[in-house]
Structures are given as structure tokens and as C-alpha cells.
């Protein structure tokens, strides 16, 4: 277990050499960052400009489509307004036709009702006359009923 934690023995000049390599690597990394930062900034600004151009194009397209839709809606409204009078006339004719049919049915019903009432009235008269005739025969009373 002591071999795992212990440092490898280094030759006398190797430690100094490793420090120099590490310094060069650190310097190179810093220099690379200093070179890359302006490039990354430039790339980000270009990306922002591209995004702005894309947004403006999309917004212009959206506005153009909204204007076309509005024009289409206006023309549709005008066309429907021209059709409104014809529609109103058509609906009115249908309603009046239905009203006439309904009135005819009501008239037929009332005529039938009157006929049935008359038949019942006549039947009732005949029943009463028959009863009176039977009573007269039974009690031999004179017949004095007005049949009109």
C-alpha cells in the first residue's frame, strides 16, 4: 500500500524540465485563449447579426401574410354582404311557405273538428230522441220534441 501513495522517484534534472514544459504549456494555453476570445466574440456578433436578419425576414413574411389575410377577409365580407339580400329573400320565402302549409293544416284540423262535433251532436240528438221514443212507448206519452 505504501507504493501506491508514494511519488515516483525523479531524476535530479527531470523535475526542473517538467516545470519548464508546464510553463510553456500554460503560456501556450493563455495565448490561445487571447487569440480565440476575439474570434469567439466576432463569431458571436456575426451570429447575432444573422439572427437579427432571420428575425426581420420572418417578421416581414408574417406581416405580409397578415395583410393578405386581411384583404381576403375584406373581399369575403363584401361578397357575403352582396349575398345577404338574396339569402334574406330566400329565407323569407321559405318561412312564408311553411306558414301557409301550417295554416292549411290548422284549417283542415278545424274543419275536421267541426265535422266531428256535428256528428257527435247529431248522434246525441238521435240518442235523446230514441230514449224519448222508448219512454213514450213505455208510458204512452205524446211525442213533442223539436228535431230541428
Protein backbone atom coordinates (compact mmCIF):
# COMPACT_ATOMS: atom_id res chain seq x y z
CA UNK A 1 0.00 0.00 0.00
CA UNK A 2 2.95 2.33 0.54
CA UNK A 3 3.86 2.06 -3.16
CA UNK A 4 0.52 3.46 -4.32
CA UNK A 5 0.73 6.75 -2.43
CA UNK A 6 4.44 7.31 -2.77
CA UNK A 7 5.77 9.53 -5.54
CA UNK A 8 7.91 8.02 -8.19
CA UNK A 9 11.50 8.89 -7.63
CA UNK A 10 12.56 11.55 -10.15
CA UNK A 11 15.99 12.09 -11.56
CA UNK A 12 17.62 15.30 -10.37
CA UNK A 13 17.10 17.45 -13.55
CA UNK A 14 13.77 15.97 -14.57
CA UNK A 15 11.73 17.98 -12.08
CA UNK A 16 13.15 21.26 -13.42
CA UNK A 17 12.49 20.14 -17.02
CA UNK A 18 8.87 19.26 -16.18
CA UNK A 19 8.34 22.73 -14.69
CA UNK A 20 9.60 24.36 -17.89
CA UNK A 21 7.29 22.21 -20.04
CA UNK A 22 4.39 23.09 -17.77
CA UNK A 23 5.17 26.83 -18.05
CA UNK A 24 5.35 26.62 -21.85
CA UNK A 25 2.04 24.73 -21.98
CA UNK A 26 0.43 27.30 -19.68
CA UNK A 27 1.78 30.16 -21.80
CA UNK A 28 0.54 28.48 -24.98
CA UNK A 29 -2.92 27.92 -23.48
CA UNK A 30 -3.17 31.55 -22.36
CA UNK A 31 -2.01 32.80 -25.73
CA UNK A 32 -4.50 30.56 -27.47
CA UNK A 33 -7.30 31.93 -25.29
CA UNK A 34 -6.23 35.50 -26.03
CA UNK A 35 -6.35 34.72 -29.75
CA UNK A 36 -9.61 32.78 -29.53
CA UNK A 37 -11.53 35.30 -27.41
CA UNK A 38 -11.72 37.96 -30.16
CA UNK A 39 -12.54 35.24 -32.69
CA UNK A 40 -15.30 33.89 -30.48
CA UNK A 41 -16.58 37.42 -29.88
CA UNK A 42 -16.56 38.08 -33.62
CA UNK A 43 -18.39 34.78 -34.25
CA UNK A 44 -20.97 35.63 -31.60
CA UNK A 45 -21.57 39.09 -33.13
CA UNK A 46 -21.95 37.53 -36.57
CA UNK A 47 -24.39 35.02 -35.13
CA UNK A 48 -26.35 37.87 -33.52
CA UNK A 49 -26.45 39.72 -36.85
CA UNK A 50 -27.61 36.57 -38.68
CA UNK A 51 -30.31 36.03 -36.06
CA UNK A 52 -31.45 39.63 -36.45
CA UNK A 53 -31.63 39.29 -40.24
CA UNK A 54 -33.54 35.99 -39.90
CA UNK A 55 -35.97 37.58 -37.42
CA UNK A 56 -36.57 40.59 -39.67
CA UNK A 57 -37.27 38.30 -42.64
CA UNK A 58 -39.69 36.18 -40.60
CA UNK A 59 -41.41 39.28 -39.25
CA UNK A 60 -41.73 40.78 -42.75
CA UNK A 61 -43.22 37.48 -44.00
CA UNK A 62 -45.65 37.36 -41.08
CA UNK A 63 -46.77 40.95 -41.69
CA UNK A 64 -47.17 40.28 -45.42
CA UNK A 65 -49.28 37.18 -44.69
CA UNK A 66 -51.42 39.14 -42.20
CA UNK A 67 -52.04 41.85 -44.81
CA UNK A 68 -53.01 39.25 -47.43
CA UNK A 69 -55.34 37.52 -44.96
CA UNK A 70 -56.96 40.83 -44.08
CA UNK A 71 -57.51 41.65 -47.78
CA UNK A 72 -59.00 38.20 -48.33
CA UNK A 73 -61.29 38.64 -45.31
CA UNK A 74 -62.45 42.04 -46.61
CA UNK A 75 -63.24 40.63 -50.07
CA UNK A 76 -65.09 37.70 -48.47
CA UNK A 77 -67.10 40.10 -46.33
CA UNK A 78 -68.06 42.19 -49.38
CA UNK A 79 -69.11 39.06 -51.27
CA UNK A 80 -71.19 37.83 -48.32
CA UNK A 81 -72.86 41.23 -47.94
CA UNK A 82 -73.89 41.11 -51.61
CA UNK A 83 -75.38 37.67 -50.99
CA UNK A 84 -77.24 38.74 -47.82
CA UNK A 85 -80.26 40.21 -49.65
CA UNK A 86 -80.69 37.03 -51.70
CA UNK A 87 -80.38 34.92 -48.56
CA UNK A 88 -82.92 37.04 -46.67
CA UNK A 89 -85.36 36.82 -49.59
CA UNK A 90 -84.88 33.06 -49.82
CA UNK A 91 -85.37 32.53 -46.07
CA UNK A 92 -88.42 34.79 -46.14
CA UNK A 93 -90.00 32.80 -48.99
CA UNK A 94 -89.36 29.52 -47.20
CA UNK A 95 -90.82 30.86 -43.95
CA UNK A 96 -93.92 32.18 -45.70
CA UNK A 97 -94.34 28.85 -47.50
CA UNK A 98 -94.06 26.98 -44.19
CA UNK A 99 -96.52 29.40 -42.60
CA UNK A 100 -99.01 28.76 -45.42
CA UNK A 101 -98.63 25.00 -45.01
CA UNK A 102 -99.13 25.31 -41.29
CA UNK A 103 -102.22 27.46 -41.75
CA UNK A 104 -103.67 24.91 -44.22
CA UNK A 105 -103.10 22.13 -41.68
CA UNK A 106 -104.75 24.22 -38.94
CA UNK A 107 -107.74 24.90 -41.24
CA UNK A 108 -108.08 21.20 -42.08
CA UNK A 109 -107.91 20.31 -38.40
CA UNK A 110 -110.57 22.89 -37.50
CA UNK A 111 -112.85 21.63 -40.31
CA UNK A 112 -112.41 18.05 -39.11
CA UNK A 113 -113.06 19.14 -35.52
CA UNK A 114 -116.26 20.91 -36.58
CA UNK A 115 -117.40 17.87 -38.56
CA UNK A 116 -116.74 15.54 -35.61
CA UNK A 117 -118.58 17.89 -33.24
CA UNK A 118 -121.56 18.00 -35.61
CA UNK A 119 -121.57 14.21 -35.86
CA UNK A 120 -121.44 13.88 -32.09
CA UNK A 121 -124.16 16.49 -31.70
CA UNK A 122 -126.35 14.65 -34.22
CA UNK A 123 -125.61 11.33 -32.55
CA UNK A 124 -126.51 12.81 -29.16
CA UNK A 125 -129.77 14.20 -30.60
CA UNK A 126 -130.59 10.81 -32.07
CA UNK A 127 -129.82 9.13 -28.75
CA UNK A 128 -132.05 11.54 -26.85
CA UNK A 129 -134.82 11.12 -29.47
CA UNK A 130 -134.50 7.35 -29.22
CA UNK A 131 -134.71 7.50 -25.43
CA UNK A 132 -137.79 9.76 -25.59
CA UNK A 133 -139.42 7.46 -28.15
CA UNK A 134 -138.83 4.49 -25.89
CA UNK A 135 -140.22 6.36 -22.87
CA UNK A 136 -143.26 7.40 -24.90
CA UNK A 137 -143.86 3.85 -25.97
CA UNK A 138 -143.35 2.65 -22.43
CA UNK A 139 -145.62 5.26 -20.84
CA UNK A 140 -147.69 6.06 -23.96
CA UNK A 141 -146.87 9.77 -23.88
CA UNK A 142 -147.28 12.02 -26.90
CA UNK A 143 -144.13 12.89 -28.82
CA UNK A 144 -143.30 16.59 -28.56
CA UNK A 145 -139.61 17.01 -29.42
CA UNK A 146 -138.34 19.58 -31.89
CA UNK A 147 -135.81 17.86 -34.21
CA UNK A 148 -134.52 20.96 -35.91
